[in-house]
Amino acid sequence: MTRVNQPNSDQNTNPTPENPWIEGLKTIGLAAILAIGIRHFVAEARYIPSGSMLPTLQYQPTHDRLIIDKLGYRFGDPKRGDIIVFSPTDKMKEKDPNFKDALIKRVVGLPGDKIEIVNGKMYINDRPLEEHYVASEINPAAQITNTSDHQFTTIDVCPPDQRFLDQPQIVPQDSYVVLGDNRNSSYDSRCWGAVPRKNIIGRAVLRFWPLGRFGTLDGVPIDAEEEN
């Protein structure tokens, strides 16, 4: 009788384990790829470097740190009141070619809006925009209350050769007019014009640091078209 050799079962069920260093490197590499993908396409963290969005966003003594949603605008348009992060516009870089840092401001004017400054207030389509989030004249960092003395919105903060809103303007299509909540200390659309949609990086949705101010961002304005 011919004897049939049985295969070595150990060779089939117990492969040689991979070097743990290689496994670790693979894990780190995958995590890095996922992190880069999430940051590029979904969300990223940013901190507030200046006081242009006081009092909504603070930068002293601790910089607010925010989560920026980069996915939402793939499925919908920016809305009035959104706080957005965007890259410098061509107009800004014309004045300063070294201007590369992203900015954060609040959307005030939408595509097709007629927008103007009248007696220290923003007007949208000939109607005043109620902006309860604008900083106090006395202490811009203080939280807004019903008795706060809000700053006026003027063109005086802009250089003489950069005064986009020194007269009524129609917001171009696929573009947005954005202003800082701290109107006395914000270099914004009043000066250099509207932000093209392609420049928008995402919407600020959550403050995660400091923990004492953890939460979603408040201060969405009443839509001028819905006011009585």
C-alpha atoms as a PDB file:
ATOM      1  CA  MET A   1       0.000   0.000   0.000  1.00  0.00           C
ATOM      2  CA  THR A   2       1.248   3.387  -0.920  1.00  0.00           C
ATOM      3  CA  ARG A   3       1.630   5.717   2.032  1.00  0.00           C
ATOM      4  CA  VAL A   4       0.238   9.210   1.602  1.00  0.00           C
ATOM      5  CA  ASN A   5       2.275  11.918   3.306  1.00  0.00           C
ATOM      6  CA  GLN A   6       0.148  14.285   5.369  1.00  0.00           C
ATOM      7  CA  PRO A   7       0.878  18.000   4.904  1.00  0.00           C
ATOM      8  CA  ASN A   8       2.462  19.787   7.803  1.00  0.00           C
ATOM      9  CA  SER A   9      -0.509  21.524   9.412  1.00  0.00           C
ATOM     10  CA  ASP A  10       1.777  23.879  11.330  1.00  0.00           C
ATOM     11  CA  GLN A  11       2.941  25.436   8.069  1.00  0.00           C
ATOM     12  CA  ASN A  12      -0.666  26.233   7.063  1.00  0.00           C
ATOM     13  CA  THR A  13      -2.085  27.592  10.295  1.00  0.00           C
ATOM     14  CA  ASN A  14       0.831  29.363  11.944  1.00  0.00           C
ATOM     15  CA  PRO A  15       2.504  31.746   9.483  1.00  0.00           C
ATOM     16  CA  THR A  16       5.622  33.541  10.613  1.00  0.00           C
ATOM     17  CA  PRO A  17       4.559  36.650  12.569  1.00  0.00           C
ATOM     18  CA  GLU A  18       5.451  40.015  11.067  1.00  0.00           C
ATOM     19  CA  ASN A  19       8.142  42.066  12.677  1.00  0.00           C
ATOM     20  CA  PRO A  20       6.421  44.267  15.323  1.00  0.00           C
ATOM     21  CA  TRP A  21       8.428  47.285  14.168  1.00  0.00           C
ATOM     22  CA  ILE A  22       7.047  46.875  10.648  1.00  0.00           C
ATOM     23  CA  GLU A  23       3.516  46.467  12.022  1.00  0.00           C
ATOM     24  CA  GLY A  24       3.964  49.637  14.053  1.00  0.00           C
ATOM     25  CA  LEU A  25       5.213  51.601  11.067  1.00  0.00           C
ATOM     26  CA  LYS A  26       2.262  50.411   8.981  1.00  0.00           C
ATOM     27  CA  THR A  27      -0.160  51.508  11.704  1.00  0.00           C
ATOM     28  CA  ILE A  28       1.467  54.909  12.043  1.00  0.00           C
ATOM     29  CA  GLY A  29       1.489  55.362   8.265  1.00  0.00           C
ATOM     30  CA  LEU A  30      -2.208  54.485   7.966  1.00  0.00           C
ATOM     31  CA  ALA A  31      -3.086  56.829  10.827  1.00  0.00           C
ATOM     32  CA  ALA A  32      -1.112  59.633   9.166  1.00  0.00           C
ATOM     33  CA  ILE A  33      -2.875  59.076   5.831  1.00  0.00           C
ATOM     34  CA  LEU A  34      -6.283  59.129   7.540  1.00  0.00           C
ATOM     35  CA  ALA A  35      -5.390  62.267   9.498  1.00  0.00           C
ATOM     36  CA  ILE A  36      -4.213  64.075   6.369  1.00  0.00           C
ATOM     37  CA  GLY A  37      -7.347  63.004   4.495  1.00  0.00           C
ATOM     38  CA  ILE A  38      -9.640  64.167   7.286  1.00  0.00           C
ATOM     39  CA  ARG A  39      -7.839  67.505   7.589  1.00  0.00           C
ATOM     40  CA  HIS A  40      -7.916  68.093   3.845  1.00  0.00           C
ATOM     41  CA  PHE A  41     -11.484  67.037   3.100  1.00  0.00           C
ATOM     42  CA  VAL A  42     -13.551  66.917   6.315  1.00  0.00           C
ATOM     43  CA  ALA A  43     -12.431  69.098   9.233  1.00  0.00           C
ATOM     44  CA  GLU A  44      -9.447  70.763  10.812  1.00  0.00           C
ATOM     45  CA  ALA A  45      -8.534  72.647  13.979  1.00  0.00           C
ATOM     46  CA  ARG A  46      -7.527  76.315  13.976  1.00  0.00           C
ATOM     47  CA  TYR A  47      -6.760  78.923  16.600  1.00  0.00           C
ATOM     48  CA  ILE A  48      -7.704  82.607  16.708  1.00  0.00           C
ATOM     49  CA  PRO A  49      -4.638  84.839  16.204  1.00  0.00           C
ATOM     50  CA  SER A  50      -6.205  88.302  16.518  1.00  0.00           C
ATOM     51  CA  GLY A  51      -9.039  90.337  17.982  1.00  0.00           C
ATOM     52  CA  SER A  52     -11.006  91.022  14.785  1.00  0.00           C
ATOM     53  CA  MET A  53     -13.828  88.687  15.836  1.00  0.00           C
ATOM     54  CA  LEU A  54     -14.194  89.867  19.438  1.00  0.00           C
ATOM     55  CA  PRO A  55     -16.224  89.195  21.484  1.00  0.00           C
ATOM     56  CA  THR A  56     -17.488  86.084  19.673  1.00  0.00           C
ATOM     57  CA  LEU A  57     -13.963  84.659  19.399  1.00  0.00           C
ATOM     58  CA  GLN A  58     -11.353  85.456  22.033  1.00  0.00           C
ATOM     59  CA  TYR A  59      -7.582  85.518  21.737  1.00  0.00           C
ATOM     60  CA  GLN A  60      -6.422  86.752  25.158  1.00  0.00           C
ATOM     61  CA  PRO A  61      -5.268  85.445  27.560  1.00  0.00           C
ATOM     62  CA  THR A  62      -5.913  82.138  25.737  1.00  0.00           C
ATOM     63  CA  HIS A  63      -6.461  81.743  22.015  1.00  0.00           C
ATOM     64  CA  ASP A  64      -9.810  80.137  21.172  1.00  0.00           C
ATOM     65  CA  ARG A  65      -9.357  76.929  19.216  1.00  0.00           C
ATOM     66  CA  LEU A  66     -12.031  75.903  16.737  1.00  0.00           C
ATOM     67  CA  ILE A  67     -13.131  72.987  14.606  1.00  0.00           C
ATOM     68  CA  ILE A  68     -13.622  74.028  10.973  1.00  0.00           C
ATOM     69  CA  ASP A  69     -16.142  72.011   8.970  1.00  0.00           C
ATOM     70  CA  LYS A  70     -14.740  71.617   5.446  1.00  0.00           C
ATOM     71  CA  LEU A  71     -17.404  69.217   4.183  1.00  0.00           C
ATOM     72  CA  GLY A  72     -20.688  71.087   4.716  1.00  0.00           C
ATOM     73  CA  TYR A  73     -20.262  73.576   1.894  1.00  0.00           C
ATOM     74  CA  ARG A  74     -19.893  70.717  -0.573  1.00  0.00           C
ATOM     75  CA  PHE A  75     -23.620  70.141  -0.062  1.00  0.00           C
ATOM     76  CA  GLY A  76     -24.933  73.635   0.641  1.00  0.00           C
ATOM     77  CA  ASP A  77     -24.155  77.319   0.357  1.00  0.00           C
ATOM     78  CA  PRO A  78     -22.796  79.628   3.056  1.00  0.00           C
ATOM     79  CA  LYS A  79     -25.546  81.425   4.961  1.00  0.00           C
ATOM     80  CA  ARG A  80     -25.726  84.890   6.409  1.00  0.00           C
ATOM     81  CA  GLY A  81     -24.237  84.731   9.874  1.00  0.00           C
ATOM     82  CA  ASP A  82     -21.861  81.830   9.213  1.00  0.00           C
ATOM     83  CA  ILE A  83     -18.361  82.312  10.571  1.00  0.00           C
ATOM     84  CA  ILE A  84     -16.018  81.185   7.831  1.00  0.00           C
ATOM     85  CA  VAL A  85     -12.321  80.606   7.281  1.00  0.00           C
ATOM     86  CA  PHE A  86     -10.977  81.596   3.873  1.00  0.00           C
ATOM     87  CA  SER A  87      -7.731  82.128   2.032  1.00  0.00           C
ATOM     88  CA  PRO A  88      -6.700  85.675   1.024  1.00  0.00           C
ATOM     89  CA  THR A  89      -8.388  87.024  -2.078  1.00  0.00           C
ATOM     90  CA  ASP A  90      -6.553  88.235  -5.178  1.00  0.00           C
ATOM     91  CA  LYS A  91      -7.345  91.831  -4.205  1.00  0.00           C
ATOM     92  CA  MET A  92      -5.667  91.330  -0.843  1.00  0.00           C
ATOM     93  CA  LYS A  93      -2.596  89.759  -2.408  1.00  0.00           C
ATOM     94  CA  GLU A  94      -2.339  92.594  -4.915  1.00  0.00           C
ATOM     95  CA  LYS A  95      -1.762  94.938  -1.989  1.00  0.00           C
ATOM     96  CA  ASP A  96       0.501  92.522  -0.128  1.00  0.00           C
ATOM     97  CA  PRO A  97       1.955  89.544  -2.073  1.00  0.00           C
ATOM     98  CA  ASN A  98       3.164  88.048   1.221  1.00  0.00           C
ATOM     99  CA  PHE A  99      -0.397  87.814   2.559  1.00  0.00           C
ATOM    100  CA  LYS A 100      -0.820  84.037   2.839  1.00  0.00           C
ATOM    101  CA  ASP A 101      -2.484  83.325   6.182  1.00  0.00           C
ATOM    102  CA  ALA A 102      -6.150  82.311   6.252  1.00  0.00           C
ATOM    103  CA  LEU A 103      -8.671  84.716   7.795  1.00  0.00           C
ATOM    104  CA  ILE A 104     -11.841  84.223   9.811  1.00  0.00           C
ATOM    105  CA  LYS A 105     -14.868  86.548   9.471  1.00  0.00           C
ATOM    106  CA  ARG A 106     -18.670  86.492   9.518  1.00  0.00           C
ATOM    107  CA  VAL A 107     -20.774  86.297   6.348  1.00  0.00           C
ATOM    108  CA  VAL A 108     -22.954  89.394   6.011  1.00  0.00           C
ATOM    109  CA  GLY A 109     -23.690  89.728   2.292  1.00  0.00           C
ATOM    110  CA  LEU A 110     -24.818  86.915  -0.027  1.00  0.00           C
ATOM    111  CA  PRO A 111     -24.513  86.691  -3.826  1.00  0.00           C
ATOM    112  CA  GLY A 112     -26.796  89.217  -5.515  1.00  0.00           C
ATOM    113  CA  ASP A 113     -27.417  91.273  -2.347  1.00  0.00           C
ATOM    114  CA  LYS A 114     -27.324  95.031  -2.473  1.00  0.00           C
ATOM    115  CA  ILE A 115     -25.140  95.972   0.486  1.00  0.00           C
ATOM    116  CA  GLU A 116     -24.222  99.352   1.943  1.00  0.00           C
ATOM    117  CA  ILE A 117     -23.320 101.207   5.118  1.00  0.00           C
ATOM    118  CA  VAL A 118     -25.897 103.768   6.268  1.00  0.00           C
ATOM    119  CA  ASN A 119     -25.377 105.823   9.419  1.00  0.00           C
ATOM    120  CA  GLY A 120     -23.099 103.237  10.994  1.00  0.00           C
ATOM    121  CA  LYS A 121     -25.289 100.217  10.213  1.00  0.00           C
ATOM    122  CA  MET A 122     -25.202  97.526   7.548  1.00  0.00           C
ATOM    123  CA  TYR A 123     -28.094  97.578   5.096  1.00  0.00           C
ATOM    124  CA  ILE A 124     -29.000  94.559   2.980  1.00  0.00           C
ATOM    125  CA  ASN A 125     -31.349  95.159   0.055  1.00  0.00           C
ATOM    126  CA  ASP A 126     -32.327  98.553   1.533  1.00  0.00           C
ATOM    127  CA  ARG A 127     -33.191  97.096   4.947  1.00  0.00           C
ATOM    128  CA  PRO A 128     -31.116  97.354   8.156  1.00  0.00           C
ATOM    129  CA  LEU A 129     -29.448  94.184   9.340  1.00  0.00           C
ATOM    130  CA  GLU A 130     -29.853  93.487  13.051  1.00  0.00           C
ATOM    131  CA  GLU A 131     -26.343  92.575  14.223  1.00  0.00           C
ATOM    132  CA  HIS A 132     -26.531  91.839  17.937  1.00  0.00           C
ATOM    133  CA  TYR A 133     -23.081  90.190  17.882  1.00  0.00           C
ATOM    134  CA  VAL A 134     -21.102  93.372  17.022  1.00  0.00           C
ATOM    135  CA  ALA A 135     -18.551  94.240  19.706  1.00  0.00           C
ATOM    136  CA  SER A 136     -19.039  96.859  22.383  1.00  0.00           C
ATOM    137  CA  GLU A 137     -17.588 100.305  21.800  1.00  0.00           C
ATOM    138  CA  ILE A 138     -16.276 100.523  25.369  1.00  0.00           C
ATOM    139  CA  ASN A 139     -14.821  97.026  25.779  1.00  0.00           C
ATOM    140  CA  PRO A 140     -14.719  94.919  22.585  1.00  0.00           C
ATOM    141  CA  ALA A 141     -13.773  91.751  24.495  1.00  0.00           C
ATOM    142  CA  ALA A 142     -16.779  91.938  26.824  1.00  0.00           C
ATOM    143  CA  GLN A 143     -19.708  89.635  26.179  1.00  0.00           C
ATOM    144  CA  ILE A 144     -22.681  91.355  24.579  1.00  0.00           C
ATOM    145  CA  THR A 145     -25.718  92.194  26.705  1.00  0.00           C
ATOM    146  CA  ASN A 146     -29.012  93.947  26.033  1.00  0.00           C
ATOM    147  CA  THR A 147     -27.469  97.201  27.198  1.00  0.00           C
ATOM    148  CA  SER A 148     -24.216  96.922  25.238  1.00  0.00           C
ATOM    149  CA  ASP A 149     -23.170  99.990  23.284  1.00  0.00           C
ATOM    150  CA  HIS A 150     -22.375  98.376  19.930  1.00  0.00           C
ATOM    151  CA  GLN A 151     -19.693  99.779  17.653  1.00  0.00           C
ATOM    152  CA  PHE A 152     -20.734 101.611  14.511  1.00  0.00           C
ATOM    153  CA  THR A 153     -19.836 100.073  11.171  1.00  0.00           C
ATOM    154  CA  THR A 154     -17.786 102.595   9.204  1.00  0.00           C
ATOM    155  CA  ILE A 155     -15.365 102.705   6.309  1.00  0.00           C
ATOM    156  CA  ASP A 156     -12.802 104.672   8.317  1.00  0.00           C
ATOM    157  CA  VAL A 157     -10.859 101.525   9.283  1.00  0.00           C
ATOM    158  CA  CYS A 158      -9.854 101.012   5.638  1.00  0.00           C
ATOM    159  CA  PRO A 159      -6.849 102.528   3.849  1.00  0.00           C
ATOM    160  CA  PRO A 160      -7.812 105.439   1.542  1.00  0.00           C
ATOM    161  CA  ASP A 161      -7.162 103.334  -1.572  1.00  0.00           C
ATOM    162  CA  GLN A 162      -9.137 100.314  -0.324  1.00  0.00           C
ATOM    163  CA  ARG A 163     -12.728 101.305   0.303  1.00  0.00           C
ATOM    164  CA  PHE A 164     -15.021  98.810  -1.388  1.00  0.00           C
ATOM    165  CA  LEU A 165     -18.044  99.777   0.707  1.00  0.00           C
ATOM    166  CA  ASP A 166     -17.719 103.528   0.436  1.00  0.00           C
ATOM    167  CA  GLN A 167     -20.772 103.245  -1.815  1.00  0.00           C
ATOM    168  CA  PRO A 168     -23.582 100.701  -2.330  1.00  0.00           C
ATOM    169  CA  GLN A 169     -22.421  97.473  -3.951  1.00  0.00           C
ATOM    170  CA  ILE A 170     -24.061  94.396  -5.463  1.00  0.00           C
ATOM    171  CA  VAL A 171     -22.342  91.276  -4.190  1.00  0.00           C
ATOM    172  CA  PRO A 172     -20.979  89.346  -7.197  1.00  0.00           C
ATOM    173  CA  GLN A 173     -22.249  85.853  -7.942  1.00  0.00           C
ATOM    174  CA  ASP A 174     -20.449  83.057  -6.094  1.00  0.00           C
ATOM    175  CA  SER A 175     -19.016  85.632  -3.693  1.00  0.00           C
ATOM    176  CA  TYR A 176     -19.683  86.775  -0.129  1.00  0.00           C
ATOM    177  CA  VAL A 177     -19.195  89.961   1.876  1.00  0.00           C
ATOM    178  CA  VAL A 178     -17.617  89.197   5.254  1.00  0.00           C
ATOM    179  CA  LEU A 179     -16.963  91.433   8.265  1.00  0.00           C
ATOM    180  CA  GLY A 180     -15.310  91.030  11.637  1.00  0.00           C
ATOM    181  CA  ASP A 181     -17.515  91.350  14.731  1.00  0.00           C
ATOM    182  CA  ASN A 182     -14.986  93.816  16.177  1.00  0.00           C
ATOM    183  CA  ARG A 183     -15.727  96.457  13.563  1.00  0.00           C
ATOM    184  CA  ASN A 184     -13.178  98.957  14.899  1.00  0.00           C
ATOM    185  CA  SER A 185     -10.327  96.498  14.406  1.00  0.00           C
ATOM    186  CA  SER A 186     -11.052  94.327  11.379  1.00  0.00           C
ATOM    187  CA  TYR A 187      -9.548  94.353   7.895  1.00  0.00           C
ATOM    188  CA  ASP A 188     -12.478  92.944   5.934  1.00  0.00           C
ATOM    189  CA  SER A 189     -14.793  93.276   2.934  1.00  0.00           C
ATOM    190  CA  ARG A 190     -15.367  96.951   3.652  1.00  0.00           C
ATOM    191  CA  CYS A 191     -11.842  97.447   2.349  1.00  0.00           C
ATOM    192  CA  TRP A 192     -10.955  94.775  -0.201  1.00  0.00           C
ATOM    193  CA  GLY A 193     -14.316  93.493  -1.430  1.00  0.00           C
ATOM    194  CA  ALA A 194     -16.087  90.154  -1.579  1.00  0.00           C
ATOM    195  CA  VAL A 195     -14.677  86.669  -0.982  1.00  0.00           C
ATOM    196  CA  PRO A 196     -15.042  84.282  -3.951  1.00  0.00           C
ATOM    197  CA  ARG A 197     -16.642  80.959  -3.052  1.00  0.00           C
ATOM    198  CA  LYS A 198     -13.507  79.131  -4.210  1.00  0.00           C
ATOM    199  CA  ASN A 199     -11.482  80.830  -1.448  1.00  0.00           C
ATOM    200  CA  ILE A 200     -13.666  79.524   1.376  1.00  0.00           C
ATOM    201  CA  ILE A 201     -11.983  76.766   3.374  1.00  0.00           C
ATOM    202  CA  GLY A 202     -14.875  75.960   5.693  1.00  0.00           C
ATOM    203  CA  ARG A 203     -17.242  77.046   8.477  1.00  0.00           C
ATOM    204  CA  ALA A 204     -16.299  77.396  12.136  1.00  0.00           C
ATOM    205  CA  VAL A 205     -18.690  75.120  14.023  1.00  0.00           C
ATOM    206  CA  LEU A 206     -17.231  74.316  17.441  1.00  0.00           C
ATOM    207  CA  ARG A 207     -14.951  75.881  20.036  1.00  0.00           C
ATOM    208  CA  PHE A 208     -13.051  73.090  21.809  1.00  0.00           C
ATOM    209  CA  TRP A 209     -10.556  75.179  23.781  1.00  0.00           C
ATOM    210  CA  PRO A 210     -10.446  76.570  26.364  1.00  0.00           C
ATOM    211  CA  LEU A 211     -12.740  74.081  28.034  1.00  0.00           C
ATOM    212  CA  GLY A 212     -14.535  76.842  29.915  1.00  0.00           C
ATOM    213  CA  ARG A 213     -15.873  78.141  26.574  1.00  0.00           C
ATOM    214  CA  PHE A 214     -16.425  74.741  24.951  1.00  0.00           C
ATOM    215  CA  GLY A 215     -19.446  74.645  22.659  1.00  0.00           C
ATOM    216  CA  THR A 216     -20.985  75.683  19.375  1.00  0.00           C
ATOM    217  CA  LEU A 217     -20.587  79.246  18.116  1.00  0.00           C
ATOM    218  CA  ASP A 218     -23.466  81.602  18.763  1.00  0.00           C
ATOM    219  CA  GLY A 219     -24.395  84.939  17.297  1.00  0.00           C
ATOM    220  CA  VAL A 220     -26.226  84.097  14.062  1.00  0.00           C
ATOM    221  CA  PRO A 221     -27.876  87.319  12.819  1.00  0.00           C
ATOM    222  CA  ILE A 222     -31.489  87.778  11.908  1.00  0.00           C
ATOM    223  CA  ASP A 223     -31.797  87.475   8.125  1.00  0.00           C
ATOM    224  CA  ALA A 224     -32.477  90.945   6.773  1.00  0.00           C
ATOM    225  CA  GLU A 225     -35.055  89.543   4.364  1.00  0.00           C
ATOM    226  CA  GLU A 226     -37.025  87.959   7.202  1.00  0.00           C
ATOM    227  CA  GLU A 227     -37.233  91.045   9.425  1.00  0.00           C
ATOM    228  CA  ASN A 228     -40.499  92.888   9.763  1.00  0.00           C
END
